[in-house]
Structures are given as structure tokens and as C-alpha cells.
N, C-alpha and C. Protein backbone atom coordinates (compact mmCIF):
# COMPACT_ATOMS: atom_id res chain seq x y z
N MET A 1 -8.59 1.20 -11.79
CA MET A 1 -7.21 1.54 -12.05
C MET A 1 -6.34 0.63 -11.19
N LEU A 2 -5.28 0.08 -11.76
CA LEU A 2 -4.34 -0.76 -11.04
C LEU A 2 -3.06 0.03 -10.79
N ILE A 3 -2.51 -0.12 -9.60
CA ILE A 3 -1.25 0.54 -9.29
C ILE A 3 -0.28 -0.47 -8.69
N LYS A 4 1.00 -0.27 -8.98
CA LYS A 4 2.06 -1.11 -8.42
C LYS A 4 2.61 -0.41 -7.19
N VAL A 5 2.86 -1.21 -6.15
CA VAL A 5 3.36 -0.66 -4.89
C VAL A 5 4.49 -1.54 -4.38
N LYS A 6 5.58 -0.92 -3.98
CA LYS A 6 6.66 -1.64 -3.30
C LYS A 6 6.62 -1.20 -1.84
N VAL A 7 6.50 -2.18 -0.94
CA VAL A 7 6.28 -1.89 0.48
C VAL A 7 7.55 -2.17 1.27
N PHE A 8 7.85 -1.26 2.20
CA PHE A 8 8.97 -1.41 3.13
C PHE A 8 8.40 -1.40 4.54
N PRO A 9 8.09 -2.59 5.10
CA PRO A 9 7.49 -2.64 6.45
C PRO A 9 8.55 -2.49 7.54
N GLY A 10 8.08 -2.08 8.72
CA GLY A 10 8.94 -2.01 9.89
C GLY A 10 9.90 -0.83 9.90
N THR A 11 9.57 0.26 9.23
CA THR A 11 10.44 1.44 9.24
C THR A 11 10.05 2.37 10.38
N LYS A 12 10.88 3.38 10.62
CA LYS A 12 10.61 4.30 11.73
C LYS A 12 9.57 5.36 11.37
N GLU A 13 9.45 5.66 10.08
CA GLU A 13 8.49 6.68 9.67
C GLU A 13 7.62 6.14 8.54
N GLN A 14 6.50 6.79 8.34
CA GLN A 14 5.54 6.35 7.32
C GLN A 14 5.55 7.37 6.18
N THR A 15 5.95 6.93 4.98
CA THR A 15 6.02 7.83 3.83
C THR A 15 5.50 7.15 2.59
N ILE A 16 5.10 7.95 1.60
CA ILE A 16 4.70 7.44 0.30
C ILE A 16 5.45 8.26 -0.75
N THR A 17 6.05 7.56 -1.72
CA THR A 17 6.83 8.21 -2.75
C THR A 17 6.34 7.73 -4.11
N LYS A 18 6.05 8.67 -5.00
CA LYS A 18 5.61 8.34 -6.36
C LYS A 18 6.84 8.18 -7.23
N LYS A 19 6.98 7.01 -7.86
CA LYS A 19 8.06 6.76 -8.81
C LYS A 19 7.48 6.90 -10.21
N LYS A 20 8.25 6.50 -11.20
CA LYS A 20 7.83 6.65 -12.59
C LYS A 20 6.46 6.03 -12.86
N ASP A 21 6.30 4.75 -12.56
CA ASP A 21 5.02 4.08 -12.82
C ASP A 21 4.53 3.28 -11.61
N SER A 22 5.04 3.62 -10.42
CA SER A 22 4.64 2.88 -9.22
C SER A 22 4.80 3.78 -7.99
N PHE A 23 4.53 3.18 -6.83
CA PHE A 23 4.67 3.88 -5.56
C PHE A 23 5.61 3.08 -4.66
N GLU A 24 6.33 3.77 -3.80
CA GLU A 24 7.10 3.13 -2.73
C GLU A 24 6.50 3.64 -1.42
N ILE A 25 6.10 2.70 -0.57
CA ILE A 25 5.46 3.06 0.70
C ILE A 25 6.25 2.45 1.85
N LYS A 26 6.64 3.31 2.78
CA LYS A 26 7.30 2.86 4.00
C LYS A 26 6.29 2.97 5.13
N ILE A 27 6.14 1.87 5.88
CA ILE A 27 5.17 1.83 6.96
C ILE A 27 5.83 1.32 8.24
N LYS A 28 5.23 1.66 9.37
CA LYS A 28 5.77 1.26 10.67
C LYS A 28 5.39 -0.17 11.03
N GLU A 29 4.25 -0.65 10.55
CA GLU A 29 3.76 -1.96 10.93
C GLU A 29 4.64 -3.07 10.36
N LYS A 30 4.69 -4.16 11.09
CA LYS A 30 5.44 -5.34 10.66
C LYS A 30 4.51 -6.24 9.84
N PRO A 31 5.08 -7.06 8.96
CA PRO A 31 4.23 -7.93 8.13
C PRO A 31 3.73 -9.16 8.89
N ILE A 32 2.91 -8.92 9.89
CA ILE A 32 2.36 -10.01 10.71
C ILE A 32 0.85 -9.99 10.60
N LYS A 33 0.27 -11.09 10.18
CA LYS A 33 -1.19 -11.27 10.08
C LYS A 33 -1.88 -10.16 9.27
N GLY A 34 -1.24 -9.69 8.22
CA GLY A 34 -1.86 -8.71 7.33
C GLY A 34 -1.86 -7.28 7.83
N GLN A 35 -1.16 -7.00 8.93
CA GLN A 35 -1.13 -5.64 9.46
C GLN A 35 -0.50 -4.67 8.48
N ALA A 36 0.56 -5.11 7.81
CA ALA A 36 1.24 -4.23 6.85
C ALA A 36 0.34 -3.93 5.65
N ASN A 37 -0.40 -4.92 5.17
CA ASN A 37 -1.31 -4.70 4.05
C ASN A 37 -2.40 -3.69 4.41
N LEU A 38 -2.94 -3.78 5.61
CA LEU A 38 -3.96 -2.83 6.05
C LEU A 38 -3.38 -1.42 6.18
N ALA A 39 -2.14 -1.33 6.65
CA ALA A 39 -1.50 -0.02 6.77
C ALA A 39 -1.28 0.60 5.39
N VAL A 40 -0.91 -0.22 4.41
CA VAL A 40 -0.71 0.29 3.04
C VAL A 40 -2.04 0.79 2.47
N ILE A 41 -3.10 0.06 2.72
CA ILE A 41 -4.43 0.50 2.26
C ILE A 41 -4.80 1.83 2.90
N ASN A 42 -4.50 2.01 4.18
CA ASN A 42 -4.78 3.28 4.85
C ASN A 42 -3.97 4.43 4.25
N VAL A 43 -2.71 4.17 3.93
CA VAL A 43 -1.86 5.20 3.34
C VAL A 43 -2.38 5.58 1.95
N LEU A 44 -2.72 4.58 1.15
CA LEU A 44 -3.26 4.86 -0.19
C LEU A 44 -4.59 5.60 -0.11
N SER A 45 -5.40 5.24 0.86
CA SER A 45 -6.69 5.89 1.03
C SER A 45 -6.52 7.38 1.32
N SER A 46 -5.60 7.73 2.18
CA SER A 46 -5.38 9.14 2.47
C SER A 46 -4.68 9.86 1.31
N TYR A 47 -3.81 9.17 0.58
CA TYR A 47 -3.11 9.78 -0.54
C TYR A 47 -4.08 10.14 -1.67
N PHE A 48 -4.97 9.18 -2.02
CA PHE A 48 -5.93 9.40 -3.10
C PHE A 48 -7.22 10.07 -2.62
N GLU A 49 -7.36 10.23 -1.30
CA GLU A 49 -8.54 10.83 -0.68
C GLU A 49 -9.83 10.10 -1.07
N ILE A 50 -9.80 8.78 -0.90
CA ILE A 50 -10.96 7.93 -1.16
C ILE A 50 -11.16 7.01 0.04
N PRO A 51 -12.35 6.42 0.19
CA PRO A 51 -12.57 5.47 1.30
C PRO A 51 -11.73 4.21 1.14
N ARG A 52 -11.36 3.60 2.26
CA ARG A 52 -10.56 2.37 2.23
C ARG A 52 -11.27 1.24 1.50
N GLN A 53 -12.60 1.24 1.51
CA GLN A 53 -13.36 0.17 0.88
C GLN A 53 -13.19 0.15 -0.63
N LYS A 54 -12.69 1.22 -1.21
CA LYS A 54 -12.51 1.29 -2.66
C LYS A 54 -11.11 0.86 -3.09
N ILE A 55 -10.31 0.36 -2.17
CA ILE A 55 -8.96 -0.11 -2.47
C ILE A 55 -8.90 -1.59 -2.15
N ARG A 56 -8.42 -2.37 -3.12
CA ARG A 56 -8.38 -3.82 -2.94
C ARG A 56 -7.02 -4.36 -3.36
N LEU A 57 -6.46 -5.23 -2.55
CA LEU A 57 -5.19 -5.88 -2.86
C LEU A 57 -5.45 -7.02 -3.83
N ILE A 58 -4.85 -6.94 -5.01
CA ILE A 58 -5.07 -7.94 -6.06
C ILE A 58 -3.99 -9.02 -6.03
N LYS A 59 -2.73 -8.60 -5.93
CA LYS A 59 -1.62 -9.55 -6.04
C LYS A 59 -0.51 -9.15 -5.08
N GLY A 60 0.16 -10.13 -4.48
CA GLY A 60 1.29 -9.86 -3.61
C GLY A 60 0.95 -9.82 -2.14
N PHE A 61 0.08 -10.71 -1.69
CA PHE A 61 -0.34 -10.71 -0.28
C PHE A 61 0.84 -10.92 0.66
N ARG A 62 1.81 -11.71 0.23
CA ARG A 62 2.97 -12.00 1.08
C ARG A 62 4.28 -11.53 0.48
N GLN A 63 4.23 -10.72 -0.56
CA GLN A 63 5.43 -10.20 -1.17
C GLN A 63 5.57 -8.70 -0.92
N ARG A 64 6.75 -8.20 -1.18
CA ARG A 64 7.02 -6.78 -1.03
C ARG A 64 6.40 -5.98 -2.17
N ASN A 65 6.40 -6.57 -3.38
CA ASN A 65 5.80 -5.92 -4.54
C ASN A 65 4.34 -6.34 -4.65
N LYS A 66 3.46 -5.36 -4.68
CA LYS A 66 2.02 -5.63 -4.66
C LYS A 66 1.32 -4.88 -5.78
N ILE A 67 0.13 -5.34 -6.11
CA ILE A 67 -0.72 -4.65 -7.07
C ILE A 67 -2.06 -4.40 -6.39
N PHE A 68 -2.47 -3.14 -6.38
CA PHE A 68 -3.73 -2.73 -5.78
C PHE A 68 -4.68 -2.24 -6.86
N GLU A 69 -5.97 -2.46 -6.65
CA GLU A 69 -7.00 -1.94 -7.53
C GLU A 69 -7.69 -0.80 -6.82
N ILE A 70 -7.81 0.34 -7.51
CA ILE A 70 -8.54 1.50 -7.00
C ILE A 70 -9.86 1.53 -7.77
N MET A 71 -10.97 1.31 -7.08
CA MET A 71 -12.27 1.26 -7.74
C MET A 71 -12.92 2.64 -7.75
N ASP A 72 -13.65 2.92 -8.80
CA ASP A 72 -14.35 4.21 -8.93
C ASP A 72 -15.70 4.18 -8.24
């Protein structure tokens, strides 16, 4: 399953919001050396209650809009 995610790095609180066909995730980490991407994977892992290894970043390594793959 592929999901669209819009990331807001460097915020004061960490939240996840489900929109119509995507997610908005606010994280505390800054986008330095992939820290923000790892934080988003951790948030998605806890939201879907699956291991982090089953979530893979497909597109948007350096953009705010990303596409993640959730593997079964």
C-alpha cells in the first residue's frame, strides 16, 4: 500500500493527521542527514502498529511531500 505524507519538520510537538487521501505529520526533528525521514517512519510505525522495517520511503527524500510504501 502506498500513502502520501506531507511533513512539517522542526515543530514543537509531534502529531499525525489523516486528511482525505493523505497524512500530515508534524515532527520535532530537523531535516538534517535523514533524521526527519526516520522520525516520520517511527510515527507511521506506531500509527499503523507495524514494525519500522515494513515502511519504506519511495519518493521525496528531500521534499516535504513524500510517498511511503507499507509492506504486508
